[in-house]
Amino acid sequence: MNAVYWIWGTTLAIITFVVVPLALHLLHRTLKAATSIERYARESLTAGVGIANNTAAIPALEQTLATAGSLVEASKLLKARANDIGSIAVDLAASR
């Protein structure tokens, strides 16, 4: 019967002094990792919201570029007409 108590006591001691502290240590490491992941996720969310806010103006920029293209065409026409008017004015001045 003494051998049974000795095995039972040894097993209880191993569980008490090895398994439980090891389990607590591993749970603590898991909690630290989960907290770190949560912090990084929060930072990623903040960065993602900032990116979304900064890129919200892209459709407006595309409209601006489309409008700028038509303005370039209009300015080329105005330059051609101004050159025509300038050459007519030079011809008129030369004929007087």
C-alpha atoms as a PDB file:
ATOM      1  CA  MET A   1       0.000   0.000   0.000  1.00  0.00           C
ATOM      2  CA  ASN A   2       2.940   2.351   0.613  1.00  0.00           C
ATOM      3  CA  ALA A   3       3.922   2.155  -3.058  1.00  0.00           C
ATOM      4  CA  VAL A   4       0.454   3.350  -4.099  1.00  0.00           C
ATOM      5  CA  TYR A   5       0.676   6.380  -1.810  1.00  0.00           C
ATOM      6  CA  TRP A   6       4.195   7.103  -2.990  1.00  0.00           C
ATOM      7  CA  ILE A   7       3.136   6.999  -6.709  1.00  0.00           C
ATOM      8  CA  TRP A   8       0.040   9.072  -5.937  1.00  0.00           C
ATOM      9  CA  GLY A   9       2.080  11.658  -4.015  1.00  0.00           C
ATOM     10  CA  THR A  10       4.739  11.854  -6.730  1.00  0.00           C
ATOM     11  CA  THR A  11       2.107  12.323  -9.424  1.00  0.00           C
ATOM     12  CA  LEU A  12       0.354  14.984  -7.351  1.00  0.00           C
ATOM     13  CA  ALA A  13       3.663  16.791  -6.793  1.00  0.00           C
ATOM     14  CA  ILE A  14       4.533  16.672 -10.495  1.00  0.00           C
ATOM     15  CA  ILE A  15       1.131  18.048 -11.409  1.00  0.00           C
ATOM     16  CA  THR A  16       1.311  20.741  -8.738  1.00  0.00           C
ATOM     17  CA  PHE A  17       4.872  21.890  -9.329  1.00  0.00           C
ATOM     18  CA  VAL A  18       5.360  21.227 -13.069  1.00  0.00           C
ATOM     19  CA  VAL A  19       2.132  20.914 -15.051  1.00  0.00           C
ATOM     20  CA  VAL A  20       0.104  23.711 -13.413  1.00  0.00           C
ATOM     21  CA  PRO A  21       2.905  26.343 -13.552  1.00  0.00           C
ATOM     22  CA  LEU A  22       3.703  25.332 -17.131  1.00  0.00           C
ATOM     23  CA  ALA A  23       0.034  25.659 -18.080  1.00  0.00           C
ATOM     24  CA  LEU A  24      -0.165  29.065 -16.398  1.00  0.00           C
ATOM     25  CA  HIS A  25       2.998  30.212 -18.194  1.00  0.00           C
ATOM     26  CA  LEU A  26       1.656  29.078 -21.560  1.00  0.00           C
ATOM     27  CA  LEU A  27      -1.707  30.738 -20.904  1.00  0.00           C
ATOM     28  CA  HIS A  28       0.093  33.967 -19.989  1.00  0.00           C
ATOM     29  CA  ARG A  29       2.120  33.845 -23.227  1.00  0.00           C
ATOM     30  CA  THR A  30      -1.078  33.211 -25.177  1.00  0.00           C
ATOM     31  CA  LEU A  31      -2.765  36.189 -23.508  1.00  0.00           C
ATOM     32  CA  LYS A  32       0.213  38.440 -24.323  1.00  0.00           C
ATOM     33  CA  ALA A  33       0.150  37.300 -27.959  1.00  0.00           C
ATOM     34  CA  ALA A  34      -3.601  37.878 -28.209  1.00  0.00           C
ATOM     35  CA  THR A  35      -3.224  41.363 -26.710  1.00  0.00           C
ATOM     36  CA  SER A  36      -0.459  42.146 -29.170  1.00  0.00           C
ATOM     37  CA  ILE A  37      -2.555  40.920 -32.089  1.00  0.00           C
ATOM     38  CA  GLU A  38      -5.468  43.044 -30.906  1.00  0.00           C
ATOM     39  CA  ARG A  39      -3.238  46.133 -30.673  1.00  0.00           C
ATOM     40  CA  TYR A  40      -1.832  45.545 -34.175  1.00  0.00           C
ATOM     41  CA  ALA A  41      -5.348  45.010 -35.535  1.00  0.00           C
ATOM     42  CA  ARG A  42      -6.464  48.288 -33.962  1.00  0.00           C
ATOM     43  CA  GLU A  43      -3.482  50.099 -35.509  1.00  0.00           C
ATOM     44  CA  SER A  44      -4.223  48.485 -38.870  1.00  0.00           C
ATOM     45  CA  LEU A  45      -7.825  49.639 -38.649  1.00  0.00           C
ATOM     46  CA  THR A  46      -6.715  53.191 -37.930  1.00  0.00           C
ATOM     47  CA  ALA A  47      -4.294  53.099 -40.863  1.00  0.00           C
ATOM     48  CA  GLY A  48      -6.940  51.596 -43.139  1.00  0.00           C
ATOM     49  CA  VAL A  49      -9.435  54.330 -42.257  1.00  0.00           C
ATOM     50  CA  GLY A  50      -6.771  56.953 -42.964  1.00  0.00           C
ATOM     51  CA  ILE A  51      -5.997  55.387 -46.340  1.00  0.00           C
ATOM     52  CA  ALA A  52      -9.689  55.228 -47.201  1.00  0.00           C
ATOM     53  CA  ASN A  53     -10.124  58.884 -46.266  1.00  0.00           C
ATOM     54  CA  ASN A  54      -7.077  59.923 -48.282  1.00  0.00           C
ATOM     55  CA  THR A  55      -8.142  58.003 -51.377  1.00  0.00           C
ATOM     56  CA  ALA A  56     -11.763  59.175 -51.275  1.00  0.00           C
ATOM     57  CA  ALA A  57     -10.862  62.117 -53.534  1.00  0.00           C
ATOM     58  CA  ILE A  58      -9.675  59.911 -56.416  1.00  0.00           C
ATOM     59  CA  PRO A  59     -13.023  59.993 -58.279  1.00  0.00           C
ATOM     60  CA  ALA A  60     -12.996  63.797 -58.032  1.00  0.00           C
ATOM     61  CA  LEU A  61      -9.446  63.807 -59.443  1.00  0.00           C
ATOM     62  CA  GLU A  62     -10.588  61.655 -62.346  1.00  0.00           C
ATOM     63  CA  GLN A  63     -13.349  64.190 -63.081  1.00  0.00           C
ATOM     64  CA  THR A  64     -10.777  66.971 -62.868  1.00  0.00           C
ATOM     65  CA  LEU A  65      -8.515  65.180 -65.343  1.00  0.00           C
ATOM     66  CA  ALA A  66     -11.431  64.683 -67.739  1.00  0.00           C
ATOM     67  CA  THR A  67     -12.287  68.373 -67.473  1.00  0.00           C
ATOM     68  CA  ALA A  68      -8.644  69.343 -67.869  1.00  0.00           C
ATOM     69  CA  GLY A  69      -8.486  67.388 -71.120  1.00  0.00           C
ATOM     70  CA  SER A  70     -11.332  69.427 -72.575  1.00  0.00           C
ATOM     71  CA  LEU A  71      -9.699  72.619 -71.250  1.00  0.00           C
ATOM     72  CA  VAL A  72      -6.469  71.745 -73.044  1.00  0.00           C
ATOM     73  CA  GLU A  73      -8.366  71.303 -76.302  1.00  0.00           C
ATOM     74  CA  ALA A  74     -10.179  74.602 -75.754  1.00  0.00           C
ATOM     75  CA  SER A  75      -6.912  76.406 -74.997  1.00  0.00           C
ATOM     76  CA  LYS A  76      -5.355  75.019 -78.195  1.00  0.00           C
ATOM     77  CA  LEU A  77      -8.295  76.391 -80.182  1.00  0.00           C
ATOM     78  CA  LEU A  78      -8.012  79.751 -78.420  1.00  0.00           C
ATOM     79  CA  LYS A  79      -4.278  79.870 -79.153  1.00  0.00           C
ATOM     80  CA  ALA A  80      -4.906  79.130 -82.830  1.00  0.00           C
ATOM     81  CA  ARG A  81      -7.560  81.872 -83.004  1.00  0.00           C
ATOM     82  CA  ALA A  82      -5.285  84.316 -81.161  1.00  0.00           C
ATOM     83  CA  ASN A  83      -2.498  83.581 -83.642  1.00  0.00           C
ATOM     84  CA  ASP A  84      -4.928  84.185 -86.505  1.00  0.00           C
ATOM     85  CA  ILE A  85      -6.046  87.478 -84.965  1.00  0.00           C
ATOM     86  CA  GLY A  86      -2.423  88.456 -84.307  1.00  0.00           C
ATOM     87  CA  SER A  87      -1.391  87.761 -87.894  1.00  0.00           C
ATOM     88  CA  ILE A  88      -4.382  89.731 -89.198  1.00  0.00           C
ATOM     89  CA  ALA A  89      -3.465  92.626 -86.911  1.00  0.00           C
ATOM     90  CA  VAL A  90       0.147  92.503 -88.140  1.00  0.00           C
ATOM     91  CA  ASP A  91      -1.041  92.460 -91.767  1.00  0.00           C
ATOM     92  CA  LEU A  92      -3.360  95.416 -91.106  1.00  0.00           C
ATOM     93  CA  ALA A  93      -0.604  97.361 -89.411  1.00  0.00           C
ATOM     94  CA  ALA A  94       1.791  96.613 -92.241  1.00  0.00           C
ATOM     95  CA  SER A  95      -0.682  97.757 -94.882  1.00  0.00           C
ATOM     96  CA  ARG A  96      -1.207 101.167 -93.258  1.00  0.00           C
END
